[in-house]
N, C-alpha and C. Protein backbone atom coordinates (compact mmCIF):
# COMPACT_ATOMS: atom_id res chain seq x y z
N MET A 1 18.45 -16.54 8.92
CA MET A 1 19.77 -17.10 7.45
C MET A 1 20.77 -15.71 7.39
N ALA A 2 21.76 -16.17 7.56
CA ALA A 2 22.80 -15.72 7.30
C ALA A 2 23.63 -15.92 6.61
N ARG A 3 23.49 -14.55 5.87
CA ARG A 3 25.13 -15.10 4.39
C ARG A 3 26.55 -14.35 4.99
N ARG A 4 27.38 -14.84 4.14
CA ARG A 4 28.64 -14.12 4.66
C ARG A 4 29.11 -12.69 4.63
N LEU A 5 29.30 -11.81 5.25
CA LEU A 5 29.19 -10.67 4.50
C LEU A 5 30.73 -10.14 4.03
N GLY A 6 30.80 -8.97 4.11
CA GLY A 6 31.91 -8.76 3.19
C GLY A 6 32.47 -7.52 4.60
N ARG A 7 32.54 -6.11 3.54
CA ARG A 7 33.38 -5.21 4.28
C ARG A 7 32.11 -5.33 5.65
N VAL A 8 32.92 -4.69 6.50
CA VAL A 8 31.89 -4.02 7.48
C VAL A 8 31.62 -2.18 7.12
N ARG A 9 30.06 -2.76 6.94
CA ARG A 9 29.19 -1.57 7.28
C ARG A 9 28.02 -1.38 8.48
N PRO A 10 27.93 -0.10 7.91
CA PRO A 10 26.24 0.28 9.50
C PRO A 10 25.16 -0.92 8.48
N ALA A 11 24.08 -1.06 9.15
CA ALA A 11 23.20 -1.55 9.09
C ALA A 11 22.23 -0.56 9.27
N LEU A 12 21.19 -1.40 8.55
CA LEU A 12 19.55 -0.60 8.06
C LEU A 12 18.79 -2.00 8.21
N ILE A 13 17.76 -2.14 9.79
CA ILE A 13 17.00 -3.26 9.06
C ILE A 13 15.54 -3.24 8.90
N PHE A 14 14.91 -3.47 7.43
CA PHE A 14 13.72 -3.71 7.53
C PHE A 14 12.80 -4.34 7.96
N ASP A 15 11.67 -4.17 8.47
CA ASP A 15 10.51 -4.81 8.23
C ASP A 15 10.10 -5.20 6.89
N LEU A 16 9.30 -6.24 5.95
CA LEU A 16 8.97 -6.82 5.29
C LEU A 16 7.24 -6.50 5.41
N ASP A 17 6.37 -6.62 6.05
CA ASP A 17 4.73 -6.60 5.18
C ASP A 17 5.33 -5.22 5.58
N GLY A 18 4.78 -4.48 4.61
CA GLY A 18 3.28 -3.33 4.00
C GLY A 18 5.39 -2.23 3.69
N VAL A 19 6.53 -2.21 3.84
CA VAL A 19 7.78 -1.90 3.78
C VAL A 19 8.71 -2.34 2.73
N LEU A 20 8.66 -3.17 2.58
CA LEU A 20 9.30 -3.84 1.20
C LEU A 20 8.31 -4.63 -0.04
N ALA A 21 7.05 -5.04 0.79
CA ALA A 21 6.31 -6.28 0.42
C ALA A 21 4.50 -5.49 0.72
N ASP A 22 4.35 -5.28 -0.67
CA ASP A 22 2.66 -4.73 -0.39
C ASP A 22 1.07 -5.98 -0.01
N SER A 23 2.38 -6.32 0.68
CA SER A 23 0.65 -7.62 1.11
C SER A 23 -0.68 -7.69 1.31
N ARG A 24 -1.05 -6.36 1.33
CA ARG A 24 -2.73 -6.24 1.58
C ARG A 24 -3.16 -7.46 0.87
N VAL A 25 -3.59 -7.78 -0.65
CA VAL A 25 -3.83 -8.42 -0.99
C VAL A 25 -3.90 -10.08 -0.60
N PRO A 26 -3.19 -10.66 -1.03
CA PRO A 26 -2.44 -11.97 -0.81
C PRO A 26 -2.74 -12.29 0.95
N ILE A 27 -2.48 -11.33 2.08
CA ILE A 27 -2.57 -11.77 3.34
C ILE A 27 -3.97 -11.86 3.67
N THR A 28 -4.77 -10.28 3.28
CA THR A 28 -6.23 -9.82 3.69
C THR A 28 -7.19 -11.67 3.14
N ARG A 29 -7.08 -11.59 2.47
CA ARG A 29 -7.37 -12.56 0.99
C ARG A 29 -7.34 -13.75 2.05
N CYS A 30 -6.58 -13.79 2.65
CA CYS A 30 -5.09 -15.53 3.28
C CYS A 30 -6.88 -15.64 4.22
N VAL A 31 -6.38 -15.19 5.52
CA VAL A 31 -7.20 -14.34 6.39
C VAL A 31 -8.65 -14.73 6.36
N ALA A 32 -9.39 -14.37 5.74
CA ALA A 32 -10.73 -13.84 5.24
C ALA A 32 -11.20 -15.92 5.08
N HIS A 33 -10.09 -15.99 4.91
CA HIS A 33 -10.99 -18.53 3.78
C HIS A 33 -11.01 -18.61 4.98
N ALA A 34 -9.55 -18.06 6.67
CA ALA A 34 -9.34 -19.59 7.37
C ALA A 34 -10.61 -18.52 8.14
N LEU A 35 -10.65 -17.85 8.34
CA LEU A 35 -11.64 -17.05 9.36
C LEU A 35 -13.26 -18.12 8.72
N ARG A 36 -13.89 -18.50 7.25
CA ARG A 36 -14.72 -18.46 7.02
C ARG A 36 -14.40 -20.23 7.42
N VAL A 37 -13.39 -20.43 6.05
CA VAL A 37 -13.24 -22.14 6.80
C VAL A 37 -13.72 -22.57 8.32
N ARG A 38 -13.17 -21.80 9.33
CA ARG A 38 -12.76 -22.25 11.05
C ARG A 38 -14.87 -21.34 10.83
N GLY A 39 -15.36 -21.46 10.60
CA GLY A 39 -16.54 -20.48 10.66
C GLY A 39 -17.28 -19.34 11.67
N HIS A 40 -16.04 -18.50 11.46
CA HIS A 40 -16.20 -16.82 12.44
C HIS A 40 -16.60 -16.47 11.27
N GLY A 41 -16.95 -16.26 10.02
CA GLY A 41 -17.96 -15.11 8.91
C GLY A 41 -16.84 -13.78 8.71
N GLU A 42 -17.04 -13.46 7.58
CA GLU A 42 -16.92 -12.23 7.26
C GLU A 42 -16.09 -11.14 8.64
N ARG A 43 -15.33 -9.96 7.92
CA ARG A 43 -14.64 -9.36 8.75
C ARG A 43 -13.90 -8.32 7.78
N SER A 44 -14.77 -7.54 8.83
CA SER A 44 -14.30 -5.38 7.73
C SER A 44 -12.99 -5.57 7.29
N GLU A 45 -12.65 -4.49 6.35
CA GLU A 45 -10.95 -4.82 5.83
C GLU A 45 -10.03 -4.00 6.49
N ASP A 46 -11.13 -3.38 7.49
CA ASP A 46 -9.97 -2.13 8.71
C ASP A 46 -9.89 -2.95 9.49
N GLU A 47 -10.31 -4.38 9.91
CA GLU A 47 -10.59 -5.90 10.68
C GLU A 47 -9.42 -6.78 10.26
N LEU A 48 -8.99 -6.80 8.64
CA LEU A 48 -8.19 -7.77 8.21
C LEU A 48 -7.46 -7.37 8.44
N LEU A 49 -7.23 -5.45 7.79
CA LEU A 49 -5.98 -4.98 7.49
C LEU A 49 -4.35 -4.94 8.93
N ALA A 50 -5.71 -5.01 10.35
CA ALA A 50 -4.43 -4.61 11.55
C ALA A 50 -4.41 -6.28 11.46
N PHE A 51 -3.98 -7.03 10.98
CA PHE A 51 -4.07 -8.67 11.13
C PHE A 51 -2.73 -8.10 10.18
N ILE A 52 -1.97 -7.83 9.59
CA ILE A 52 -1.18 -7.39 8.87
C ILE A 52 -0.39 -6.62 10.44
N GLY A 53 1.02 -7.40 10.70
CA GLY A 53 2.11 -6.89 11.72
C GLY A 53 2.80 -6.97 12.90
N PRO A 54 1.49 -7.43 13.78
CA PRO A 54 1.13 -8.89 15.19
C PRO A 54 1.86 -10.22 14.21
N PRO A 55 2.70 -10.85 15.06
CA PRO A 55 2.49 -12.00 14.50
C PRO A 55 0.77 -12.81 14.69
N THR A 56 1.13 -14.13 13.84
CA THR A 56 -0.06 -14.72 13.22
C THR A 56 -0.23 -14.94 14.31
N ARG A 57 -0.34 -15.85 14.87
CA ARG A 57 -1.12 -16.29 16.42
C ARG A 57 -2.14 -15.40 16.91
N VAL A 58 -1.37 -14.22 16.91
CA VAL A 58 -1.56 -13.25 17.51
C VAL A 58 -3.24 -12.15 16.99
N GLY A 59 -2.44 -12.40 15.86
CA GLY A 59 -3.42 -12.09 14.78
C GLY A 59 -5.12 -13.06 14.84
N PHE A 60 -4.72 -13.90 14.81
CA PHE A 60 -6.20 -14.57 14.69
C PHE A 60 -7.09 -14.36 16.09
N ALA A 61 -6.00 -14.44 17.35
CA ALA A 61 -6.73 -14.69 18.67
C ALA A 61 -7.27 -13.59 19.16
N ALA A 62 -6.81 -12.20 18.13
CA ALA A 62 -7.71 -10.89 18.16
C ALA A 62 -9.09 -11.28 17.01
N LEU A 63 -8.57 -11.45 15.86
CA LEU A 63 -9.94 -11.54 15.08
C LEU A 63 -11.31 -12.90 15.59
N THR A 64 -10.82 -14.05 16.49
CA THR A 64 -11.59 -14.70 17.06
C THR A 64 -12.29 -14.67 18.54
N GLY A 65 -11.27 -13.73 18.93
CA GLY A 65 -11.72 -13.83 20.42
C GLY A 65 -11.28 -14.78 21.41
N GLU A 66 -10.58 -16.03 20.38
CA GLU A 66 -9.87 -16.96 21.42
C GLU A 66 -8.48 -16.85 21.85
N ASP A 67 -8.16 -17.30 22.88
CA ASP A 67 -6.76 -17.69 23.52
C ASP A 67 -6.08 -18.22 22.68
N LEU A 68 -4.76 -17.52 23.02
CA LEU A 68 -3.89 -17.76 21.63
C LEU A 68 -2.73 -18.62 21.63
N ASP A 69 -2.90 -20.11 22.84
CA ASP A 69 -3.12 -20.99 22.64
C ASP A 69 -3.31 -22.26 22.33
N SER A 70 -5.10 -21.64 21.95
CA SER A 70 -5.97 -22.32 21.88
C SER A 70 -6.09 -23.30 20.39
N PRO A 71 -6.23 -24.62 20.87
CA PRO A 71 -6.64 -25.34 19.54
C PRO A 71 -7.39 -24.47 18.17
N GLU A 72 -8.21 -23.85 18.47
CA GLU A 72 -8.91 -23.53 17.08
C GLU A 72 -7.72 -22.19 16.95
N VAL A 73 -7.09 -21.16 17.31
CA VAL A 73 -6.04 -20.04 17.03
C VAL A 73 -5.46 -21.25 16.28
N GLU A 74 -5.06 -22.36 16.77
CA GLU A 74 -3.85 -22.84 15.95
C GLU A 74 -4.73 -23.95 14.23
N ALA A 75 -5.84 -24.00 14.59
CA ALA A 75 -7.08 -24.48 13.80
C ALA A 75 -6.34 -22.98 12.57
N CYS A 76 -6.89 -21.95 12.76
CA CYS A 76 -6.83 -21.14 11.94
C CYS A 76 -5.74 -20.61 10.97
N VAL A 77 -4.95 -21.09 12.28
CA VAL A 77 -3.19 -20.66 11.42
C VAL A 77 -3.00 -21.54 10.95
N ALA A 78 -2.61 -22.76 10.72
CA ALA A 78 -2.75 -24.15 9.54
C ALA A 78 -3.76 -23.79 8.30
N GLU A 79 -4.85 -23.45 8.51
CA GLU A 79 -5.99 -22.90 7.25
C GLU A 79 -5.38 -21.94 6.36
N TYR A 80 -5.43 -21.04 7.60
CA TYR A 80 -4.50 -19.85 6.25
C TYR A 80 -2.96 -19.57 5.86
N ARG A 81 -1.84 -20.90 6.80
CA ARG A 81 -0.88 -21.15 5.70
C ARG A 81 -1.30 -22.17 4.79
N ARG A 82 -1.67 -22.71 4.93
CA ARG A 82 -2.07 -24.19 3.97
C ARG A 82 -2.14 -22.68 2.30
N VAL A 83 -3.57 -22.10 2.63
CA VAL A 83 -4.13 -21.11 1.03
C VAL A 83 -2.18 -19.95 1.03
N TYR A 84 -1.64 -19.56 2.27
CA TYR A 84 -0.50 -18.93 2.08
C TYR A 84 0.04 -19.31 1.54
N THR A 85 1.14 -20.08 1.31
CA THR A 85 1.87 -20.97 0.68
C THR A 85 1.65 -21.08 -0.75
N ASP A 86 0.69 -20.83 -0.99
CA ASP A 86 0.59 -20.66 -2.60
C ASP A 86 0.71 -18.75 -2.92
N ALA A 87 0.24 -18.24 -2.56
CA ALA A 87 -0.95 -17.05 -2.98
C ALA A 87 0.05 -16.06 -2.21
N LEU A 88 1.19 -16.08 -1.61
CA LEU A 88 2.64 -15.28 -1.08
C LEU A 88 3.66 -14.98 -2.51
N TRP A 89 3.27 -15.59 -3.08
CA TRP A 89 3.87 -15.47 -4.91
C TRP A 89 3.53 -14.88 -5.69
N GLU A 90 2.25 -13.85 -5.15
CA GLU A 90 1.48 -13.26 -5.96
C GLU A 90 1.83 -11.50 -5.53
N THR A 91 2.48 -11.72 -4.25
CA THR A 91 3.26 -10.69 -3.59
C THR A 91 3.13 -9.41 -4.45
N PRO A 92 3.77 -8.47 -4.83
CA PRO A 92 4.16 -6.99 -4.68
C PRO A 92 4.66 -6.48 -3.81
N THR A 93 5.94 -5.27 -4.75
CA THR A 93 6.57 -5.04 -3.68
C THR A 93 6.03 -3.50 -4.07
N TYR A 94 6.24 -2.02 -4.11
CA TYR A 94 6.08 -1.00 -4.06
C TYR A 94 6.52 -0.22 -4.63
N PRO A 95 5.79 0.65 -5.85
CA PRO A 95 6.96 1.69 -6.99
C PRO A 95 7.48 2.04 -5.77
N GLY A 96 9.33 2.30 -6.66
CA GLY A 96 10.20 2.52 -5.87
C GLY A 96 11.57 2.01 -4.31
N VAL A 97 10.48 1.05 -4.29
CA VAL A 97 11.18 0.23 -3.32
C VAL A 97 12.42 -0.58 -3.65
N PRO A 98 12.18 -1.38 -4.86
CA PRO A 98 13.68 -2.08 -4.99
C PRO A 98 14.50 -1.06 -5.47
N GLU A 99 14.40 0.17 -6.01
CA GLU A 99 15.31 1.30 -6.46
C GLU A 99 15.77 1.59 -5.87
N ALA A 100 15.24 2.20 -4.26
CA ALA A 100 15.71 2.70 -2.92
C ALA A 100 16.08 1.17 -2.29
N VAL A 101 15.95 0.32 -2.67
CA VAL A 101 16.65 -0.85 -2.23
C VAL A 101 18.19 -1.07 -2.43
N ARG A 102 18.81 -1.41 -3.96
CA ARG A 102 19.38 -1.18 -4.47
C ARG A 102 20.41 0.29 -4.21
N ALA A 103 20.20 1.26 -4.16
CA ALA A 103 20.60 2.24 -3.82
C ALA A 103 21.09 2.04 -1.43
N LEU A 104 20.48 2.04 -1.75
CA LEU A 104 20.62 1.96 -0.22
C LEU A 104 21.77 0.66 0.53
N GLN A 105 21.82 -0.31 -0.88
CA GLN A 105 22.96 -1.64 -1.11
C GLN A 105 24.38 -1.43 -1.05
N ALA A 106 24.02 -0.16 -1.31
CA ALA A 106 25.77 0.48 -2.24
C ALA A 106 26.68 1.09 -0.46
N ASP A 107 25.92 1.45 0.30
CA ASP A 107 26.25 1.81 1.87
C ASP A 107 26.41 1.25 2.87
N PHE A 108 25.04 0.59 3.17
CA PHE A 108 24.47 -0.35 4.04
C PHE A 108 25.05 -1.80 3.84
N THR A 109 24.80 -2.99 5.17
CA THR A 109 24.08 -4.07 4.94
C THR A 109 22.91 -3.92 5.07
N LEU A 110 22.32 -4.45 4.53
CA LEU A 110 20.73 -4.48 4.78
C LEU A 110 20.70 -5.98 5.83
N ALA A 111 19.32 -5.68 6.25
CA ALA A 111 18.59 -6.75 6.98
C ALA A 111 16.84 -6.83 7.42
N VAL A 112 16.69 -7.91 7.71
CA VAL A 112 15.28 -8.17 7.84
C VAL A 112 15.12 -8.82 8.99
N ALA A 113 14.42 -8.16 9.55
CA ALA A 113 13.59 -8.47 10.81
C ALA A 113 12.05 -8.28 10.69
N THR A 114 10.92 -9.58 10.54
CA THR A 114 9.76 -9.33 10.55
C THR A 114 9.11 -10.75 11.38
N SER A 115 7.44 -10.25 12.37
CA SER A 115 7.44 -11.31 12.25
C SER A 115 7.16 -12.54 11.50
N LYS A 116 6.70 -12.11 10.15
CA LYS A 116 6.54 -13.95 9.67
C LYS A 116 6.88 -14.38 9.67
N PRO A 117 6.46 -15.87 9.85
CA PRO A 117 8.05 -16.54 10.23
C PRO A 117 9.14 -16.58 8.90
N ARG A 118 10.25 -16.60 8.89
CA ARG A 118 11.12 -16.98 7.70
C ARG A 118 10.91 -18.19 6.93
N HIS A 119 9.86 -19.55 7.34
CA HIS A 119 9.63 -19.76 5.67
C HIS A 119 8.25 -19.52 5.36
N PHE A 120 8.60 -17.96 5.06
CA PHE A 120 7.77 -17.70 4.32
C PHE A 120 8.15 -16.49 4.15
N ALA A 121 8.93 -15.79 4.91
CA ALA A 121 9.70 -14.84 4.52
C ALA A 121 10.74 -14.34 3.40
N GLU A 122 11.58 -15.28 3.59
CA GLU A 122 12.35 -15.94 2.34
C GLU A 122 11.94 -16.03 0.86
N PRO A 123 10.73 -16.43 0.37
CA PRO A 123 9.92 -17.20 -0.34
C PRO A 123 9.44 -15.17 -0.77
N VAL A 124 8.75 -14.42 0.00
CA VAL A 124 8.18 -13.36 -0.38
C VAL A 124 9.50 -12.60 -0.84
N LEU A 125 10.59 -12.42 -0.24
CA LEU A 125 12.02 -11.76 -0.86
C LEU A 125 11.99 -11.71 -2.63
N GLU A 126 12.16 -13.43 -2.58
CA GLU A 126 12.03 -13.31 -3.99
C GLU A 126 10.41 -13.43 -4.92
N ALA A 127 9.77 -13.58 -4.03
CA ALA A 127 8.69 -13.05 -5.20
C ALA A 127 8.45 -11.62 -5.97
N ILE A 128 9.59 -10.79 -4.82
CA ILE A 128 9.49 -9.61 -5.08
C ILE A 128 10.70 -8.90 -5.70
N GLY A 129 11.62 -9.71 -6.07
CA GLY A 129 12.79 -10.10 -6.27
C GLY A 129 14.19 -8.94 -5.50
N LEU A 130 13.50 -8.70 -4.54
CA LEU A 130 14.61 -8.79 -4.00
C LEU A 130 15.84 -9.52 -2.77
N ALA A 131 15.23 -10.31 -2.44
CA ALA A 131 16.74 -11.50 -1.90
C ALA A 131 17.41 -12.11 -1.61
N ASP A 132 18.37 -10.98 -3.36
CA ASP A 132 19.75 -11.15 -2.92
C ASP A 132 20.68 -9.80 -2.70
N ALA A 133 19.41 -8.58 -1.94
CA ALA A 133 19.47 -7.69 -1.27
C ALA A 133 20.46 -7.74 -0.48
N PHE A 134 19.66 -8.49 0.97
CA PHE A 134 19.30 -8.37 2.64
C PHE A 134 20.50 -10.22 2.69
N ASP A 135 21.74 -9.28 3.04
CA ASP A 135 22.75 -9.99 3.72
C ASP A 135 21.68 -11.49 5.12
N VAL A 136 21.24 -10.68 6.07
CA VAL A 136 20.41 -11.42 6.94
C VAL A 136 19.13 -11.33 6.65
N VAL A 137 18.14 -13.10 6.92
CA VAL A 137 16.30 -12.47 7.41
C VAL A 137 16.15 -12.83 9.03
N ALA A 138 16.39 -12.24 9.67
CA ALA A 138 15.47 -12.73 10.47
C ALA A 138 14.15 -12.49 11.24
N GLY A 139 13.51 -14.44 11.62
CA GLY A 139 12.25 -14.44 10.70
C GLY A 139 11.56 -15.96 12.06
N PRO A 140 10.83 -15.80 12.66
CA PRO A 140 10.54 -16.59 13.80
C PRO A 140 10.39 -17.59 12.84
N GLY A 141 10.27 -19.07 13.78
CA GLY A 141 10.22 -20.53 12.69
C GLY A 141 8.42 -20.77 12.91
N LEU A 142 8.28 -21.73 12.37
CA LEU A 142 7.00 -21.29 12.54
C LEU A 142 5.65 -22.13 13.00
N HIS A 143 6.68 -22.71 14.20
CA HIS A 143 5.53 -22.46 15.23
C HIS A 143 6.05 -21.81 16.34
N ALA A 144 6.41 -20.94 16.35
CA ALA A 144 7.23 -19.93 17.14
C ALA A 144 6.47 -18.78 17.16
N THR A 145 6.46 -18.01 18.35
CA THR A 145 5.72 -16.26 18.45
C THR A 145 6.28 -15.78 18.71
N ALA A 146 6.93 -15.03 17.89
CA ALA A 146 8.28 -13.84 18.45
C ALA A 146 8.32 -12.28 18.13
N ASP A 147 8.35 -12.21 18.93
CA ASP A 147 7.85 -9.90 18.91
C ASP A 147 9.01 -9.46 18.24
N LYS A 148 8.28 -8.25 17.88
CA LYS A 148 9.44 -7.49 16.66
C LYS A 148 10.83 -6.57 17.61
N THR A 149 10.98 -6.98 18.69
CA THR A 149 12.52 -6.04 19.16
C THR A 149 13.08 -8.35 19.51
N GLU A 150 12.86 -8.86 19.42
CA GLU A 150 13.10 -10.14 19.40
C GLU A 150 13.89 -10.25 18.64
N THR A 151 12.97 -10.14 16.78
CA THR A 151 13.35 -10.56 15.55
C THR A 151 14.41 -9.26 15.50
N VAL A 152 13.79 -8.54 15.86
CA VAL A 152 15.45 -7.19 15.67
C VAL A 152 16.56 -7.57 16.54
N ALA A 153 16.85 -7.81 17.35
CA ALA A 153 17.69 -8.92 17.83
C ALA A 153 18.27 -9.53 17.17
N GLU A 154 17.66 -10.91 16.93
CA GLU A 154 18.68 -11.56 15.97
C GLU A 154 18.96 -11.07 14.32
N ALA A 155 18.50 -10.00 13.86
CA ALA A 155 18.83 -9.25 12.89
C ALA A 155 20.26 -7.90 13.51
N LEU A 156 20.25 -7.64 14.52
CA LEU A 156 21.62 -7.25 14.55
C LEU A 156 22.85 -8.22 14.83
N ALA A 157 21.92 -9.54 15.51
CA ALA A 157 23.57 -10.38 15.91
C ALA A 157 23.48 -11.08 14.20
N GLY A 158 23.57 -11.32 13.75
CA GLY A 158 23.49 -11.57 12.20
C GLY A 158 24.19 -10.68 11.18
N VAL A 159 24.26 -9.25 11.44
CA VAL A 159 24.62 -8.23 11.29
C VAL A 159 25.87 -8.37 11.11
N GLY A 160 26.11 -8.68 12.47
CA GLY A 160 27.83 -8.38 13.65
C GLY A 160 28.24 -7.41 13.20
N GLY A 161 27.21 -6.33 13.44
CA GLY A 161 28.33 -4.82 13.45
C GLY A 161 27.11 -3.58 13.59
N PRO A 162 27.28 -2.69 13.42
CA PRO A 162 26.69 -1.27 13.86
C PRO A 162 25.68 -1.10 13.50
N ALA A 163 24.34 -0.93 13.25
CA ALA A 163 22.82 -1.08 13.31
C ALA A 163 23.11 0.66 13.24
N VAL A 164 21.79 1.09 12.01
CA VAL A 164 21.77 3.42 12.38
C VAL A 164 20.01 2.82 12.73
N ALA A 165 18.91 1.52 11.61
CA ALA A 165 17.72 2.34 11.07
C ALA A 165 17.02 1.88 11.42
N MET A 166 15.58 1.20 12.05
CA MET A 166 15.21 -0.05 11.94
C MET A 166 13.80 1.28 11.13
N VAL A 167 13.22 -0.23 9.41
CA VAL A 167 12.51 0.79 8.65
C VAL A 167 11.31 0.17 9.16
N GLY A 168 10.02 0.44 9.25
CA GLY A 168 9.22 -0.11 9.42
C GLY A 168 7.97 0.63 9.78
N ASP A 169 6.54 -0.17 9.39
CA ASP A 169 4.93 0.57 9.39
C ASP A 169 4.26 1.10 9.91
N ARG A 170 4.77 -0.16 11.17
CA ARG A 170 3.70 -0.34 12.25
C ARG A 170 4.06 0.53 13.70
N ARG A 171 3.69 -0.15 14.42
CA ARG A 171 4.07 0.67 15.87
C ARG A 171 4.57 -0.45 16.46
N TYR A 172 5.12 -1.52 16.52
CA TYR A 172 5.40 -2.31 16.71
C TYR A 172 7.12 -2.48 16.32
N ASP A 173 6.81 -1.51 15.04
CA ASP A 173 8.48 -1.62 14.52
C ASP A 173 9.41 -0.59 15.05
N MET A 174 8.65 0.40 16.00
CA MET A 174 9.41 1.71 16.36
C MET A 174 9.85 1.36 17.79
N ALA A 175 9.08 0.92 18.82
CA ALA A 175 9.07 0.58 19.21
C ALA A 175 10.40 -0.08 19.74
N ALA A 176 10.64 -1.98 18.68
CA ALA A 176 11.47 -2.76 18.82
C ALA A 176 12.93 -1.39 18.54
N ALA A 177 13.38 -0.40 17.48
CA ALA A 177 13.80 0.55 17.55
C ALA A 177 14.26 1.82 18.29
N ARG A 178 12.95 1.61 19.35
CA ARG A 178 13.64 2.08 20.75
C ARG A 178 14.76 1.55 21.19
N VAL A 179 13.66 0.14 21.90
CA VAL A 179 14.53 -0.64 22.58
C VAL A 179 16.38 -1.34 22.01
N HIS A 180 16.52 -1.34 21.41
CA HIS A 180 17.16 -1.37 20.58
C HIS A 180 18.33 -0.52 19.80
N GLY A 181 17.73 1.10 20.50
CA GLY A 181 18.52 2.03 20.09
C GLY A 181 18.88 2.99 18.31
N LEU A 182 17.64 2.23 18.39
CA LEU A 182 18.22 2.38 16.48
C LEU A 182 17.04 3.45 16.13
N LEU A 183 17.70 4.64 15.30
CA LEU A 183 16.92 5.13 14.59
C LEU A 183 15.42 4.46 14.25
N GLY A 184 13.83 4.80 14.44
CA GLY A 184 12.53 4.58 13.86
C GLY A 184 11.94 5.86 12.72
N LEU A 185 12.77 4.87 11.26
CA LEU A 185 12.09 5.43 9.99
C LEU A 185 10.82 4.66 9.66
N GLY A 186 9.70 5.59 9.52
CA GLY A 186 8.33 5.23 9.47
C GLY A 186 7.35 5.21 7.73
N VAL A 187 7.72 4.22 7.40
CA VAL A 187 7.27 4.93 5.81
C VAL A 187 5.74 5.01 6.09
N LEU A 188 4.78 6.06 5.07
CA LEU A 188 4.00 5.91 5.07
C LEU A 188 3.32 5.24 3.83
N TRP A 189 4.05 4.71 3.08
CA TRP A 189 3.03 3.69 2.19
C TRP A 189 2.66 2.46 3.09
N GLY A 190 3.35 1.76 4.13
CA GLY A 190 2.34 0.56 4.38
C GLY A 190 1.65 0.74 5.01
N PHE A 191 1.17 -0.07 5.74
CA PHE A 191 -0.77 -0.26 6.84
C PHE A 191 -0.74 0.31 8.33
N GLY A 192 -0.15 1.43 8.86
CA GLY A 192 0.43 2.38 10.26
C GLY A 192 -0.23 3.84 9.13
N SER A 193 0.10 4.34 10.46
CA SER A 193 -1.36 5.60 10.01
C SER A 193 0.71 6.44 10.81
N PRO A 194 0.41 7.94 10.04
CA PRO A 194 1.61 8.34 11.07
C PRO A 194 1.12 9.07 12.76
N GLU A 195 -0.18 8.86 12.81
CA GLU A 195 -0.14 9.28 14.37
C GLU A 195 -0.03 7.41 15.25
N GLU A 196 -0.36 6.80 15.09
CA GLU A 196 0.55 5.31 14.91
C GLU A 196 1.87 5.76 15.18
N LEU A 197 2.90 5.18 14.27
CA LEU A 197 4.10 6.23 14.04
C LEU A 197 4.69 6.84 15.56
N THR A 198 4.49 8.08 15.06
CA THR A 198 4.89 9.18 15.99
C THR A 198 4.44 8.54 17.71
N GLU A 199 3.54 8.24 17.41
CA GLU A 199 3.12 8.23 18.98
C GLU A 199 3.83 6.38 19.57
N ALA A 200 4.99 5.69 19.13
CA ALA A 200 5.21 4.46 19.29
C ALA A 200 6.80 5.08 19.33
N GLY A 201 7.24 6.38 18.49
CA GLY A 201 8.70 7.38 19.03
C GLY A 201 9.44 7.11 17.15
N ALA A 202 7.80 6.83 16.50
CA ALA A 202 9.32 6.79 15.05
C ALA A 202 10.10 8.80 15.07
N GLY A 203 11.33 8.46 14.72
CA GLY A 203 11.97 9.21 15.36
C GLY A 203 11.81 10.23 13.55
N GLU A 204 11.43 10.15 12.48
CA GLU A 204 11.56 10.39 11.09
C GLU A 204 10.41 9.57 10.80
N LEU A 205 9.40 10.26 9.67
CA LEU A 205 8.38 9.66 8.87
C LEU A 205 8.94 10.43 7.38
N VAL A 206 8.87 8.89 6.38
CA VAL A 206 9.11 9.65 5.15
C VAL A 206 7.56 8.22 4.62
N GLN A 207 7.47 9.60 2.89
CA GLN A 207 6.70 9.55 2.84
C GLN A 207 6.37 8.81 0.83
N THR A 208 7.79 8.28 1.31
CA THR A 208 8.07 8.16 -0.57
C THR A 208 9.65 7.16 -0.67
N PRO A 209 9.12 6.64 -1.15
CA PRO A 209 11.64 5.20 -1.34
C PRO A 209 12.53 6.28 -1.18
N ASP A 210 11.91 7.27 -2.74
CA ASP A 210 13.35 7.83 -2.27
C ASP A 210 13.89 8.72 -1.08
N GLN A 211 12.26 9.18 -0.46
CA GLN A 211 13.01 10.29 1.15
C GLN A 211 14.04 8.89 2.16
N LEU A 212 12.95 7.63 2.26
CA LEU A 212 13.47 6.67 2.84
C LEU A 212 15.17 6.64 2.92
N VAL A 213 16.35 7.28 1.46
CA VAL A 213 17.07 6.44 1.20
C VAL A 213 17.37 7.86 1.43
N ARG A 214 17.37 9.41 1.29
CA ARG A 214 17.72 10.03 1.76
C ARG A 214 17.68 10.41 3.57
N ALA A 215 16.50 9.64 4.22
CA ALA A 215 17.07 10.00 5.37
C ALA A 215 17.99 8.81 5.91
N ALA A 216 17.86 7.78 5.41
CA ALA A 216 18.90 6.71 6.08
C ALA A 216 20.25 7.75 5.95
N THR A 217 20.17 7.55 4.26
CA THR A 217 21.91 8.67 4.29
C THR A 217 22.21 9.96 5.37
N ARG A 218 21.26 10.38 5.66
CA ARG A 218 21.40 11.52 6.91
C ARG A 218 21.91 10.76 8.05
N ALA A 219 20.86 9.71 8.05
CA ALA A 219 21.70 8.93 9.99
C ALA A 219 22.78 8.07 9.92
N ARG A 220 22.96 7.58 8.77
CA ARG A 220 24.76 7.18 8.53
C ARG A 220 25.55 7.67 8.31
N LEU A 221 25.29 9.22 8.07
CA LEU A 221 26.36 9.89 8.02
C LEU A 221 27.04 10.21 9.95
N SER A 222 25.76 10.80 10.21
CA SER A 222 26.07 11.23 11.51
C SER A 222 26.72 10.10 12.54
N VAL A 223 26.20 8.70 11.75
CA VAL A 223 27.20 8.06 12.66
C VAL A 223 28.06 7.70 12.65
N ILE A 224 28.61 8.23 11.67
CA ILE A 224 30.24 7.89 11.53
C ILE A 224 30.86 8.96 11.35
N SER A 225 30.08 10.31 11.30
CA SER A 225 31.30 11.42 11.48
C SER A 225 31.78 11.72 12.44
């Protein structure tokens, strides 16, 4: 989804889960439910948290040991989405993130690039009160599996101008930033570790939303100077 942009400003691309939305509880609860219903038993918290980041089918393939395109993975995805449709409205954001986003909105065109289907990503942005802050929301269709490099490309095409950085919490975000020549800003309030982000090529790690605003501003000034 792309909205009409005003004057061209540098763009800042955000991941959704683990950066803007604290999806830990609704996602892991729905994943655990789908696994139980499909007879795959219980999983540890670490296994469930590892689900957050990759595309949904990739996550269920890893958790079940089934092939990515198997009927069983498809059944798990369908059950997960059935319950997540309601659960996503309980998604909170992180302390300080809304204020940081509003501050960045003054100097950047903001976009989201997520592996979550756009069908779910847009309601999550509504649930956390930030839907109006983003000019572009890029994500796969319900029945597609796109990696982060592809969704970042879609976001960049949507903003139609220069971009400065990709803000993410997992290695997929940092890898996509490198492919597209963007600064990878790794946030430490999400689901990835400092080691994961650094090894994937993060240009800078930030611990708080305030630090994110400062890091993004420095990156913007270095581009326009």
